[in-house]
Amino acid sequence: MRALLLLLLVVWIVVAVIGFVIKGLFWLAVIGIVLFLVTGVIGMLKSKASNRP
């Protein structure tokens, strides 16, 4: 599960960078950043839930 979350985070970073590099794809950068943040929050919530006794 952790590997999948890390893979998704890397993919979202790449999407955001591509969106910033290619001038007309600013919307892609915004989507990449939003998905990065959502994936990070979901990962934190799942890790906290799995640490409970």
PDB file of N, CA and C in Angstrom:
ATOM      1  N   MET A   1       0.828  -1.195   0.000  1.00  0.00           N
ATOM      2  CA  MET A   1       0.000   0.000   0.000  1.00  0.00           C
ATOM      3  C   MET A   1       0.872   1.257   0.000  1.00  0.00           C
ATOM      4  N   ARG A   2       1.912   1.226   0.805  1.00  0.00           N
ATOM      5  CA  ARG A   2       2.802   2.382   0.896  1.00  0.00           C
ATOM      6  C   ARG A   2       3.511   2.623  -0.435  1.00  0.00           C
ATOM      7  N   ALA A   3       3.892   1.531  -1.104  1.00  0.00           N
ATOM      8  CA  ALA A   3       4.569   1.666  -2.396  1.00  0.00           C
ATOM      9  C   ALA A   3       3.637   2.297  -3.430  1.00  0.00           C
ATOM     10  N   LEU A   4       2.375   1.918  -3.399  1.00  0.00           N
ATOM     11  CA  LEU A   4       1.401   2.496  -4.326  1.00  0.00           C
ATOM     12  C   LEU A   4       1.239   3.993  -4.076  1.00  0.00           C
ATOM     13  N   LEU A   5       1.156   4.389  -2.821  1.00  0.00           N
ATOM     14  CA  LEU A   5       1.024   5.808  -2.501  1.00  0.00           C
ATOM     15  C   LEU A   5       2.248   6.591  -2.950  1.00  0.00           C
ATOM     16  N   LEU A   6       3.432   6.033  -2.727  1.00  0.00           N
ATOM     17  CA  LEU A   6       4.649   6.711  -3.167  1.00  0.00           C
ATOM     18  C   LEU A   6       4.694   6.823  -4.691  1.00  0.00           C
ATOM     19  N   LEU A   7       4.282   5.775  -5.377  1.00  0.00           N
ATOM     20  CA  LEU A   7       4.239   5.818  -6.838  1.00  0.00           C
ATOM     21  C   LEU A   7       3.274   6.899  -7.319  1.00  0.00           C
ATOM     22  N   LEU A   8       2.101   6.970  -6.707  1.00  0.00           N
ATOM     23  CA  LEU A   8       1.130   7.993  -7.090  1.00  0.00           C
ATOM     24  C   LEU A   8       1.667   9.398  -6.831  1.00  0.00           C
ATOM     25  N   LEU A   9       2.345   9.589  -5.702  1.00  0.00           N
ATOM     26  CA  LEU A   9       2.913  10.901  -5.400  1.00  0.00           C
ATOM     27  C   LEU A   9       3.940  11.304  -6.448  1.00  0.00           C
ATOM     28  N   VAL A  10       4.776  10.359  -6.859  1.00  0.00           N
ATOM     29  CA  VAL A  10       5.778  10.651  -7.888  1.00  0.00           C
ATOM     30  C   VAL A  10       5.099  10.987  -9.214  1.00  0.00           C
ATOM     31  N   VAL A  11       4.071  10.228  -9.561  1.00  0.00           N
ATOM     32  CA  VAL A  11       3.353  10.493 -10.815  1.00  0.00           C
ATOM     33  C   VAL A  11       2.729  11.883 -10.785  1.00  0.00           C
ATOM     34  N   TRP A  12       2.130  12.272  -9.670  1.00  0.00           N
ATOM     35  CA  TRP A  12       1.488  13.587  -9.584  1.00  0.00           C
ATOM     36  C   TRP A  12       2.526  14.697  -9.664  1.00  0.00           C
ATOM     37  N   ILE A  13       3.710  14.486  -9.089  1.00  0.00           N
ATOM     38  CA  ILE A  13       4.773  15.492  -9.196  1.00  0.00           C
ATOM     39  C   ILE A  13       5.194  15.651 -10.654  1.00  0.00           C
ATOM     40  N   VAL A  14       5.357  14.536 -11.346  1.00  0.00           N
ATOM     41  CA  VAL A  14       5.744  14.589 -12.761  1.00  0.00           C
ATOM     42  C   VAL A  14       4.679  15.314 -13.582  1.00  0.00           C
ATOM     43  N   VAL A  15       3.414  15.011 -13.324  1.00  0.00           N
ATOM     44  CA  VAL A  15       2.322  15.676 -14.045  1.00  0.00           C
ATOM     45  C   VAL A  15       2.354  17.183 -13.782  1.00  0.00           C
ATOM     46  N   ALA A  16       2.579  17.577 -12.534  1.00  0.00           N
ATOM     47  CA  ALA A  16       2.630  19.000 -12.201  1.00  0.00           C
ATOM     48  C   ALA A  16       3.805  19.682 -12.894  1.00  0.00           C
ATOM     49  N   VAL A  17       4.965  19.045 -12.900  1.00  0.00           N
ATOM     50  CA  VAL A  17       6.140  19.634 -13.549  1.00  0.00           C
ATOM     51  C   VAL A  17       5.901  19.782 -15.052  1.00  0.00           C
ATOM     52  N   ILE A  18       5.331  18.766 -15.669  1.00  0.00           N
ATOM     53  CA  ILE A  18       5.027  18.850 -17.105  1.00  0.00           C
ATOM     54  C   ILE A  18       4.056  20.003 -17.364  1.00  0.00           C
ATOM     55  N   GLY A  19       3.093  20.167 -16.485  1.00  0.00           N
ATOM     56  CA  GLY A  19       2.136  21.261 -16.637  1.00  0.00           C
ATOM     57  C   GLY A  19       2.784  22.626 -16.536  1.00  0.00           C
ATOM     58  N   PHE A  20       3.795  22.769 -15.672  1.00  0.00           N
ATOM     59  CA  PHE A  20       4.490  24.047 -15.552  1.00  0.00           C
ATOM     60  C   PHE A  20       5.455  24.275 -16.711  1.00  0.00           C
ATOM     61  N   VAL A  21       6.078  23.216 -17.209  1.00  0.00           N
ATOM     62  CA  VAL A  21       7.064  23.352 -18.281  1.00  0.00           C
ATOM     63  C   VAL A  21       6.393  23.699 -19.609  1.00  0.00           C
ATOM     64  N   ILE A  22       5.317  23.003 -19.917  1.00  0.00           N
ATOM     65  CA  ILE A  22       4.607  23.263 -21.172  1.00  0.00           C
ATOM     66  C   ILE A  22       3.635  24.409 -20.920  1.00  0.00           C
ATOM     67  N   LYS A  23       3.864  25.506 -21.603  1.00  0.00           N
ATOM     68  CA  LYS A  23       3.198  26.767 -21.288  1.00  0.00           C
ATOM     69  C   LYS A  23       1.671  26.680 -21.297  1.00  0.00           C
ATOM     70  N   GLY A  24       1.088  25.977 -22.225  1.00  0.00           N
ATOM     71  CA  GLY A  24      -0.365  25.941 -22.336  1.00  0.00           C
ATOM     72  C   GLY A  24      -1.047  24.944 -21.422  1.00  0.00           C
ATOM     73  N   LEU A  25      -0.274  24.224 -20.621  1.00  0.00           N
ATOM     74  CA  LEU A  25      -0.868  23.171 -19.796  1.00  0.00           C
ATOM     75  C   LEU A  25      -0.837  23.512 -18.305  1.00  0.00           C
ATOM     76  N   PHE A  26      -1.122  24.766 -17.978  1.00  0.00           N
ATOM     77  CA  PHE A  26      -1.142  25.161 -16.569  1.00  0.00           C
ATOM     78  C   PHE A  26      -2.199  24.380 -15.804  1.00  0.00           C
ATOM     79  N   TRP A  27      -3.309  24.069 -16.461  1.00  0.00           N
ATOM     80  CA  TRP A  27      -4.376  23.300 -15.814  1.00  0.00           C
ATOM     81  C   TRP A  27      -3.864  21.931 -15.385  1.00  0.00           C
ATOM     82  N   LEU A  28      -2.927  21.359 -16.156  1.00  0.00           N
ATOM     83  CA  LEU A  28      -2.359  20.064 -15.800  1.00  0.00           C
ATOM     84  C   LEU A  28      -1.529  20.171 -14.521  1.00  0.00           C
ATOM     85  N   ALA A  29      -0.828  21.283 -14.364  1.00  0.00           N
ATOM     86  CA  ALA A  29      -0.053  21.514 -13.147  1.00  0.00           C
ATOM     87  C   ALA A  29      -0.979  21.620 -11.938  1.00  0.00           C
ATOM     88  N   VAL A  30      -2.081  22.322 -12.099  1.00  0.00           N
ATOM     89  CA  VAL A  30      -3.034  22.481 -10.993  1.00  0.00           C
ATOM     90  C   VAL A  30      -3.617  21.127 -10.601  1.00  0.00           C
ATOM     91  N   ILE A  31      -4.002  20.339 -11.591  1.00  0.00           N
ATOM     92  CA  ILE A  31      -4.548  19.006 -11.304  1.00  0.00           C
ATOM     93  C   ILE A  31      -3.501  18.138 -10.618  1.00  0.00           C
ATOM     94  N   GLY A  32      -2.250  18.207 -11.078  1.00  0.00           N
ATOM     95  CA  GLY A  32      -1.177  17.428 -10.464  1.00  0.00           C
ATOM     96  C   GLY A  32      -0.959  17.801  -9.007  1.00  0.00           C
ATOM     97  N   ILE A  33      -0.980  19.091  -8.709  1.00  0.00           N
ATOM     98  CA  ILE A  33      -0.787  19.542  -7.329  1.00  0.00           C
ATOM     99  C   ILE A  33      -1.953  19.098  -6.452  1.00  0.00           C
ATOM    100  N   VAL A  34      -3.172  19.253  -6.947  1.00  0.00           N
ATOM    101  CA  VAL A  34      -4.351  18.847  -6.171  1.00  0.00           C
ATOM    102  C   VAL A  34      -4.320  17.347  -5.893  1.00  0.00           C
ATOM    103  N   LEU A  35      -4.027  16.547  -6.912  1.00  0.00           N
ATOM    104  CA  LEU A  35      -3.975  15.099  -6.717  1.00  0.00           C
ATOM    105  C   LEU A  35      -2.845  14.704  -5.773  1.00  0.00           C
ATOM    106  N   PHE A  36      -1.710  15.413  -5.836  1.00  0.00           N
ATOM    107  CA  PHE A  36      -0.605  15.158  -4.915  1.00  0.00           C
ATOM    108  C   PHE A  36      -1.051  15.382  -3.476  1.00  0.00           C
ATOM    109  N   LEU A  37      -1.715  16.500  -3.235  1.00  0.00           N
ATOM    110  CA  LEU A  37      -2.171  16.808  -1.877  1.00  0.00           C
ATOM    111  C   LEU A  37      -3.220  15.809  -1.390  1.00  0.00           C
ATOM    112  N   VAL A  38      -4.163  15.458  -2.244  1.00  0.00           N
ATOM    113  CA  VAL A  38      -5.205  14.502  -1.860  1.00  0.00           C
ATOM    114  C   VAL A  38      -4.597  13.139  -1.551  1.00  0.00           C
ATOM    115  N   THR A  39      -3.663  12.692  -2.378  1.00  0.00           N
ATOM    116  CA  THR A  39      -3.013  11.405  -2.143  1.00  0.00           C
ATOM    117  C   THR A  39      -2.225  11.422  -0.838  1.00  0.00           C
ATOM    118  N   GLY A  40      -1.540  12.518  -0.564  1.00  0.00           N
ATOM    119  CA  GLY A  40      -0.800  12.639   0.690  1.00  0.00           C
ATOM    120  C   GLY A  40      -1.704  12.585   1.909  1.00  0.00           C
ATOM    121  N   VAL A  41      -2.831  13.271   1.847  1.00  0.00           N
ATOM    122  CA  VAL A  41      -3.779  13.266   2.966  1.00  0.00           C
ATOM    123  C   VAL A  41      -4.360  11.871   3.164  1.00  0.00           C
ATOM    124  N   ILE A  42      -4.742  11.219   2.086  1.00  0.00           N
ATOM    125  CA  ILE A  42      -5.288   9.860   2.192  1.00  0.00           C
ATOM    126  C   ILE A  42      -4.250   8.918   2.784  1.00  0.00           C
ATOM    127  N   GLY A  43      -3.017   9.046   2.346  1.00  0.00           N
ATOM    128  CA  GLY A  43      -1.949   8.205   2.887  1.00  0.00           C
ATOM    129  C   GLY A  43      -1.737   8.433   4.374  1.00  0.00           C
ATOM    130  N   MET A  44      -1.771   9.694   4.805  1.00  0.00           N
ATOM    131  CA  MET A  44      -1.604   9.987   6.228  1.00  0.00           C
ATOM    132  C   MET A  44      -2.762   9.417   7.035  1.00  0.00           C
ATOM    133  N   LEU A  45      -3.975   9.564   6.547  1.00  0.00           N
ATOM    134  CA  LEU A  45      -5.140   9.058   7.273  1.00  0.00           C
ATOM    135  C   LEU A  45      -5.112   7.536   7.374  1.00  0.00           C
ATOM    136  N   LYS A  46      -4.733   6.871   6.298  1.00  0.00           N
ATOM    137  CA  LYS A  46      -4.677   5.408   6.329  1.00  0.00           C
ATOM    138  C   LYS A  46      -3.563   4.914   7.240  1.00  0.00           C
ATOM    139  N   SER A  47      -2.434   5.619   7.274  1.00  0.00           N
ATOM    140  CA  SER A  47      -1.344   5.183   8.143  1.00  0.00           C
ATOM    141  C   SER A  47      -1.705   5.400   9.612  1.00  0.00           C
ATOM    142  N   LYS A  48      -2.421   6.480   9.912  1.00  0.00           N
ATOM    143  CA  LYS A  48      -2.862   6.707  11.288  1.00  0.00           C
ATOM    144  C   LYS A  48      -3.892   5.666  11.703  1.00  0.00           C
ATOM    145  N   ALA A  49      -4.776   5.298  10.789  1.00  0.00           N
ATOM    146  CA  ALA A  49      -5.805   4.305  11.095  1.00  0.00           C
ATOM    147  C   ALA A  49      -5.191   2.928  11.318  1.00  0.00           C
ATOM    148  N   SER A  50      -4.132   2.602  10.594  1.00  0.00           N
ATOM    149  CA  SER A  50      -3.514   1.286  10.753  1.00  0.00           C
ATOM    150  C   SER A  50      -2.652   1.213  12.010  1.00  0.00           C
ATOM    151  N   ASN A  51      -2.281   2.348  12.586  1.00  0.00           N
ATOM    152  CA  ASN A  51      -1.467   2.357  13.803  1.00  0.00           C
ATOM    153  C   ASN A  51      -2.304   2.212  15.065  1.00  0.00           C
ATOM    154  N   ARG A  52      -3.614   2.327  14.944  1.00  0.00           N
ATOM    155  CA  ARG A  52      -4.475   2.197  16.125  1.00  0.00           C
ATOM    156  C   ARG A  52      -4.533   0.743  16.563  1.00  0.00           C
ATOM    157  N   PRO A  53      -4.596   0.521  17.876  1.00  0.00           N
ATOM    158  CA  PRO A  53      -4.652  -0.878  18.365  1.00  0.00           C
ATOM    159  C   PRO A  53      -5.988  -1.545  18.124  1.00  0.00           C
TER     160      PRO A  53
END
